[in-house]
Amino acid sequence: MEIQYIRELPMLRELNLLRNPIQELPDYRLSILFQIQRLTELDRHKVEVEEKVGTSRASFWENWA
């Protein structure tokens, strides 16, 4: 994924990936939230605390390894 290029942007808080092919990947939203943990909004939807907690679960990352 090319997220590596934008995840280093320290002021990035909102990211819109609507109509981007990355949306076709399973669990893409959780993957993005893990990689850019400071996001407060993704795809025009507020990032919920439960989503951030979900990115730390080992079972989630077993699927991405």
PDB file of N, CA and C in Angstrom:
ATOM      1  N   MET A   1       0.831  -1.186   0.000  1.00  0.00           N
ATOM      2  CA  MET A   1       0.000   0.000   0.000  1.00  0.00           C
ATOM      3  C   MET A   1       0.876   1.250   0.000  1.00  0.00           C
ATOM      4  N   GLU A   2       0.389   2.272  -0.608  1.00  0.00           N
ATOM      5  CA  GLU A   2       1.137   3.522  -0.679  1.00  0.00           C
ATOM      6  C   GLU A   2       0.809   4.461   0.475  1.00  0.00           C
ATOM      7  N   ILE A   3       0.136   3.953   1.478  1.00  0.00           N
ATOM      8  CA  ILE A   3      -0.180   4.746   2.664  1.00  0.00           C
ATOM      9  C   ILE A   3       1.096   5.222   3.342  1.00  0.00           C
ATOM     10  N   GLN A   4       2.165   4.486   3.167  1.00  0.00           N
ATOM     11  CA  GLN A   4       3.445   4.841   3.796  1.00  0.00           C
ATOM     12  C   GLN A   4       3.874   6.262   3.461  1.00  0.00           C
ATOM     13  N   TYR A   5       3.459   6.764   2.315  1.00  0.00           N
ATOM     14  CA  TYR A   5       3.862   8.108   1.897  1.00  0.00           C
ATOM     15  C   TYR A   5       3.117   9.214   2.643  1.00  0.00           C
ATOM     16  N   ILE A   6       1.926   8.930   3.092  1.00  0.00           N
ATOM     17  CA  ILE A   6       1.162   9.980   3.779  1.00  0.00           C
ATOM     18  C   ILE A   6       1.112   9.789   5.291  1.00  0.00           C
ATOM     19  N   ARG A   7       1.446   8.606   5.778  1.00  0.00           N
ATOM     20  CA  ARG A   7       1.330   8.389   7.220  1.00  0.00           C
ATOM     21  C   ARG A   7       2.338   9.195   8.031  1.00  0.00           C
ATOM     22  N   GLU A   8       3.353   9.722   7.385  1.00  0.00           N
ATOM     23  CA  GLU A   8       4.351  10.537   8.080  1.00  0.00           C
ATOM     24  C   GLU A   8       3.943  12.005   8.184  1.00  0.00           C
ATOM     25  N   LEU A   9       2.816  12.367   7.632  1.00  0.00           N
ATOM     26  CA  LEU A   9       2.349  13.759   7.696  1.00  0.00           C
ATOM     27  C   LEU A   9       1.791  14.038   9.094  1.00  0.00           C
ATOM     28  N   PRO A  10       2.478  14.821   9.899  1.00  0.00           N
ATOM     29  CA  PRO A  10       2.097  14.983  11.305  1.00  0.00           C
ATOM     30  C   PRO A  10       0.760  15.687  11.538  1.00  0.00           C
ATOM     31  N   MET A  11       0.307  16.475  10.595  1.00  0.00           N
ATOM     32  CA  MET A  11      -0.939  17.218  10.775  1.00  0.00           C
ATOM     33  C   MET A  11      -2.155  16.503  10.182  1.00  0.00           C
ATOM     34  N   LEU A  12      -1.939  15.355   9.587  1.00  0.00           N
ATOM     35  CA  LEU A  12      -3.034  14.627   8.943  1.00  0.00           C
ATOM     36  C   LEU A  12      -4.011  14.104   9.995  1.00  0.00           C
ATOM     37  N   ARG A  13      -5.248  14.553   9.930  1.00  0.00           N
ATOM     38  CA  ARG A  13      -6.294  14.129  10.860  1.00  0.00           C
ATOM     39  C   ARG A  13      -7.506  13.565  10.128  1.00  0.00           C
ATOM     40  N   GLU A  14      -7.718  14.022   8.906  1.00  0.00           N
ATOM     41  CA  GLU A  14      -8.861  13.581   8.111  1.00  0.00           C
ATOM     42  C   GLU A  14      -8.354  13.035   6.789  1.00  0.00           C
ATOM     43  N   LEU A  15      -8.888  11.884   6.408  1.00  0.00           N
ATOM     44  CA  LEU A  15      -8.461  11.241   5.170  1.00  0.00           C
ATOM     45  C   LEU A  15      -9.685  10.673   4.474  1.00  0.00           C
ATOM     46  N   ASN A  16      -9.802  10.960   3.194  1.00  0.00           N
ATOM     47  CA  ASN A  16     -10.927  10.466   2.410  1.00  0.00           C
ATOM     48  C   ASN A  16     -10.399   9.531   1.326  1.00  0.00           C
ATOM     49  N   LEU A  17     -10.740   8.257   1.427  1.00  0.00           N
ATOM     50  CA  LEU A  17     -10.335   7.266   0.432  1.00  0.00           C
ATOM     51  C   LEU A  17     -11.533   6.728  -0.347  1.00  0.00           C
ATOM     52  N   LEU A  18     -12.635   7.458  -0.310  1.00  0.00           N
ATOM     53  CA  LEU A  18     -13.814   7.033  -1.062  1.00  0.00           C
ATOM     54  C   LEU A  18     -13.477   6.923  -2.543  1.00  0.00           C
ATOM     55  N   ARG A  19     -13.963   5.875  -3.164  1.00  0.00           N
ATOM     56  CA  ARG A  19     -13.727   5.570  -4.581  1.00  0.00           C
ATOM     57  C   ARG A  19     -12.272   5.225  -4.880  1.00  0.00           C
ATOM     58  N   ASN A  20     -11.527   4.875  -3.865  1.00  0.00           N
ATOM     59  CA  ASN A  20     -10.143   4.451  -4.040  1.00  0.00           C
ATOM     60  C   ASN A  20     -10.118   2.921  -4.019  1.00  0.00           C
ATOM     61  N   PRO A  21      -9.346   2.291  -4.890  1.00  0.00           N
ATOM     62  CA  PRO A  21      -9.310   0.823  -4.939  1.00  0.00           C
ATOM     63  C   PRO A  21      -8.923   0.159  -3.616  1.00  0.00           C
ATOM     64  N   ILE A  22      -8.284   0.880  -2.727  1.00  0.00           N
ATOM     65  CA  ILE A  22      -7.904   0.294  -1.441  1.00  0.00           C
ATOM     66  C   ILE A  22      -9.126  -0.159  -0.646  1.00  0.00           C
ATOM     67  N   GLN A  23     -10.264   0.446  -0.916  1.00  0.00           N
ATOM     68  CA  GLN A  23     -11.490   0.079  -0.209  1.00  0.00           C
ATOM     69  C   GLN A  23     -11.913  -1.359  -0.482  1.00  0.00           C
ATOM     70  N   GLU A  24     -11.405  -1.941  -1.527  1.00  0.00           N
ATOM     71  CA  GLU A  24     -11.762  -3.315  -1.871  1.00  0.00           C
ATOM     72  C   GLU A  24     -11.033  -4.343  -1.009  1.00  0.00           C
ATOM     73  N   LEU A  25      -9.992  -3.924  -0.320  1.00  0.00           N
ATOM     74  CA  LEU A  25      -9.243  -4.839   0.540  1.00  0.00           C
ATOM     75  C   LEU A  25     -10.040  -5.150   1.803  1.00  0.00           C
ATOM     76  N   PRO A  26      -9.963  -6.384   2.281  1.00  0.00           N
ATOM     77  CA  PRO A  26     -10.676  -6.716   3.522  1.00  0.00           C
ATOM     78  C   PRO A  26     -10.090  -5.932   4.696  1.00  0.00           C
ATOM     79  N   ASP A  27     -10.944  -5.412   5.531  1.00  0.00           N
ATOM     80  CA  ASP A  27     -10.538  -4.666   6.727  1.00  0.00           C
ATOM     81  C   ASP A  27      -9.640  -3.470   6.433  1.00  0.00           C
ATOM     82  N   TYR A  28      -9.820  -2.865   5.267  1.00  0.00           N
ATOM     83  CA  TYR A  28      -8.950  -1.742   4.911  1.00  0.00           C
ATOM     84  C   TYR A  28      -9.067  -0.596   5.920  1.00  0.00           C
ATOM     85  N   ARG A  29     -10.263  -0.358   6.407  1.00  0.00           N
ATOM     86  CA  ARG A  29     -10.455   0.762   7.341  1.00  0.00           C
ATOM     87  C   ARG A  29      -9.620   0.562   8.608  1.00  0.00           C
ATOM     88  N   LEU A  30      -9.673  -0.628   9.177  1.00  0.00           N
ATOM     89  CA  LEU A  30      -8.875  -0.904  10.372  1.00  0.00           C
ATOM     90  C   LEU A  30      -7.383  -0.827  10.072  1.00  0.00           C
ATOM     91  N   SER A  31      -7.001  -1.268   8.893  1.00  0.00           N
ATOM     92  CA  SER A  31      -5.591  -1.199   8.510  1.00  0.00           C
ATOM     93  C   SER A  31      -5.116   0.250   8.442  1.00  0.00           C
ATOM     94  N   ILE A  32      -5.911   1.101   7.841  1.00  0.00           N
ATOM     95  CA  ILE A  32      -5.551   2.519   7.737  1.00  0.00           C
ATOM     96  C   ILE A  32      -5.484   3.150   9.126  1.00  0.00           C
ATOM     97  N   LEU A  33      -6.454   2.823   9.967  1.00  0.00           N
ATOM     98  CA  LEU A  33      -6.466   3.395  11.313  1.00  0.00           C
ATOM     99  C   LEU A  33      -5.276   2.929  12.139  1.00  0.00           C
ATOM    100  N   PHE A  34      -4.814   1.722  11.902  1.00  0.00           N
ATOM    101  CA  PHE A  34      -3.622   1.247  12.599  1.00  0.00           C
ATOM    102  C   PHE A  34      -2.385   1.995  12.119  1.00  0.00           C
ATOM    103  N   GLN A  35      -2.300   2.201  10.828  1.00  0.00           N
ATOM    104  CA  GLN A  35      -1.122   2.843  10.252  1.00  0.00           C
ATOM    105  C   GLN A  35      -1.073   4.346  10.502  1.00  0.00           C
ATOM    106  N   ILE A  36      -2.249   4.958  10.609  1.00  0.00           N
ATOM    107  CA  ILE A  36      -2.321   6.405  10.857  1.00  0.00           C
ATOM    108  C   ILE A  36      -3.226   6.605  12.073  1.00  0.00           C
ATOM    109  N   GLN A  37      -2.698   6.368  13.229  1.00  0.00           N
ATOM    110  CA  GLN A  37      -3.492   6.330  14.455  1.00  0.00           C
ATOM    111  C   GLN A  37      -4.027   7.681  14.893  1.00  0.00           C
ATOM    112  N   ARG A  38      -3.495   8.754  14.364  1.00  0.00           N
ATOM    113  CA  ARG A  38      -3.964  10.080  14.767  1.00  0.00           C
ATOM    114  C   ARG A  38      -5.201  10.536  13.988  1.00  0.00           C
ATOM    115  N   LEU A  39      -5.679   9.734  13.045  1.00  0.00           N
ATOM    116  CA  LEU A  39      -6.863  10.126  12.275  1.00  0.00           C
ATOM    117  C   LEU A  39      -8.078  10.272  13.186  1.00  0.00           C
ATOM    118  N   THR A  40      -8.847  11.303  12.925  1.00  0.00           N
ATOM    119  CA  THR A  40     -10.102  11.504  13.639  1.00  0.00           C
ATOM    120  C   THR A  40     -11.295  11.276  12.717  1.00  0.00           C
ATOM    121  N   GLU A  41     -11.021  11.275  11.410  1.00  0.00           N
ATOM    122  CA  GLU A  41     -12.074  11.053  10.419  1.00  0.00           C
ATOM    123  C   GLU A  41     -11.495  10.293   9.234  1.00  0.00           C
ATOM    124  N   LEU A  42     -12.218   9.264   8.806  1.00  0.00           N
ATOM    125  CA  LEU A  42     -11.805   8.480   7.649  1.00  0.00           C
ATOM    126  C   LEU A  42     -13.017   8.261   6.762  1.00  0.00           C
ATOM    127  N   ASP A  43     -12.882   8.600   5.506  1.00  0.00           N
ATOM    128  CA  ASP A  43     -13.969   8.454   4.531  1.00  0.00           C
ATOM    129  C   ASP A  43     -15.237   9.178   4.972  1.00  0.00           C
ATOM    130  N   ARG A  44     -15.040  10.374   5.497  1.00  0.00           N
ATOM    131  CA  ARG A  44     -16.144  11.241   5.927  1.00  0.00           C
ATOM    132  C   ARG A  44     -16.926  10.687   7.118  1.00  0.00           C
ATOM    133  N   HIS A  45     -16.334   9.745   7.835  1.00  0.00           N
ATOM    134  CA  HIS A  45     -16.967   9.188   9.035  1.00  0.00           C
ATOM    135  C   HIS A  45     -16.012   9.341  10.210  1.00  0.00           C
ATOM    136  N   LYS A  46     -16.560   9.783  11.318  1.00  0.00           N
ATOM    137  CA  LYS A  46     -15.760   9.945  12.528  1.00  0.00           C
ATOM    138  C   LYS A  46     -15.154   8.600  12.931  1.00  0.00           C
ATOM    139  N   VAL A  47     -13.918   8.623  13.371  1.00  0.00           N
ATOM    140  CA  VAL A  47     -13.258   7.416  13.858  1.00  0.00           C
ATOM    141  C   VAL A  47     -13.709   7.190  15.296  1.00  0.00           C
ATOM    142  N   GLU A  48     -14.290   6.034  15.548  1.00  0.00           N
ATOM    143  CA  GLU A  48     -14.796   5.705  16.874  1.00  0.00           C
ATOM    144  C   GLU A  48     -13.705   5.062  17.727  1.00  0.00           C
ATOM    145  N   VAL A  49     -13.818   5.222  19.028  1.00  0.00           N
ATOM    146  CA  VAL A  49     -12.857   4.637  19.962  1.00  0.00           C
ATOM    147  C   VAL A  49     -12.792   3.126  19.774  1.00  0.00           C
ATOM    148  N   GLU A  50     -13.938   2.504  19.554  1.00  0.00           N
ATOM    149  CA  GLU A  50     -13.987   1.055  19.382  1.00  0.00           C
ATOM    150  C   GLU A  50     -13.138   0.599  18.194  1.00  0.00           C
ATOM    151  N   GLU A  51     -13.107   1.407  17.147  1.00  0.00           N
ATOM    152  CA  GLU A  51     -12.288   1.073  15.983  1.00  0.00           C
ATOM    153  C   GLU A  51     -10.805   1.127  16.333  1.00  0.00           C
ATOM    154  N   LYS A  52     -10.425   2.136  17.081  1.00  0.00           N
ATOM    155  CA  LYS A  52      -9.014   2.252  17.461  1.00  0.00           C
ATOM    156  C   LYS A  52      -8.597   1.095  18.354  1.00  0.00           C
ATOM    157  N   VAL A  53      -9.477   0.687  19.250  1.00  0.00           N
ATOM    158  CA  VAL A  53      -9.187  -0.464  20.103  1.00  0.00           C
ATOM    159  C   VAL A  53      -9.084  -1.720  19.247  1.00  0.00           C
ATOM    160  N   GLY A  54      -9.931  -1.832  18.244  1.00  0.00           N
ATOM    161  CA  GLY A  54      -9.930  -3.001  17.368  1.00  0.00           C
ATOM    162  C   GLY A  54      -8.643  -3.173  16.592  1.00  0.00           C
ATOM    163  N   THR A  55      -7.938  -2.094  16.322  1.00  0.00           N
ATOM    164  CA  THR A  55      -6.700  -2.204  15.551  1.00  0.00           C
ATOM    165  C   THR A  55      -5.571  -2.810  16.355  1.00  0.00           C
ATOM    166  N   SER A  56      -5.721  -2.880  17.656  1.00  0.00           N
ATOM    167  CA  SER A  56      -4.645  -3.427  18.490  1.00  0.00           C
ATOM    168  C   SER A  56      -4.821  -4.913  18.770  1.00  0.00           C
ATOM    169  N   ARG A  57      -5.910  -5.487  18.339  1.00  0.00           N
ATOM    170  CA  ARG A  57      -6.159  -6.907  18.605  1.00  0.00           C
ATOM    171  C   ARG A  57      -5.276  -7.784  17.744  1.00  0.00           C
ATOM    172  N   ALA A  58      -4.682  -8.774  18.364  1.00  0.00           N
ATOM    173  CA  ALA A  58      -3.774  -9.691  17.659  1.00  0.00           C
ATOM    174  C   ALA A  58      -4.503 -10.452  16.562  1.00  0.00           C
ATOM    175  N   SER A  59      -5.758 -10.803  16.783  1.00  0.00           N
ATOM    176  CA  SER A  59      -6.495 -11.574  15.774  1.00  0.00           C
ATOM    177  C   SER A  59      -6.657 -10.785  14.484  1.00  0.00           C
ATOM    178  N   PHE A  60      -6.785  -9.466  14.592  1.00  0.00           N
ATOM    179  CA  PHE A  60      -6.888  -8.639  13.393  1.00  0.00           C
ATOM    180  C   PHE A  60      -5.601  -8.726  12.591  1.00  0.00           C
ATOM    181  N   TRP A  61      -4.457  -8.595  13.258  1.00  0.00           N
ATOM    182  CA  TRP A  61      -3.183  -8.565  12.550  1.00  0.00           C
ATOM    183  C   TRP A  61      -2.738  -9.923  12.056  1.00  0.00           C
ATOM    184  N   GLU A  62      -3.283 -10.998  12.606  1.00  0.00           N
ATOM    185  CA  GLU A  62      -2.982 -12.324  12.066  1.00  0.00           C
ATOM    186  C   GLU A  62      -3.468 -12.426  10.626  1.00  0.00           C
ATOM    187  N   ASN A  63      -4.562 -11.755  10.314  1.00  0.00           N
ATOM    188  CA  ASN A  63      -5.118 -11.786   8.959  1.00  0.00           C
ATOM    189  C   ASN A  63      -4.312 -10.945   7.982  1.00  0.00           C
ATOM    190  N   TRP A  64      -3.551  -9.968   8.473  1.00  0.00           N
ATOM    191  CA  TRP A  64      -2.780  -9.088   7.593  1.00  0.00           C
ATOM    192  C   TRP A  64      -1.332  -9.521   7.449  1.00  0.00           C
ATOM    193  N   ALA A  65      -0.914 -10.495   8.230  1.00  0.00           N
ATOM    194  CA  ALA A  65       0.497 -10.943   8.180  1.00  0.00           C
ATOM    195  C   ALA A  65       0.783 -11.757   6.939  1.00  0.00           C
TER     196      ALA A  65
END
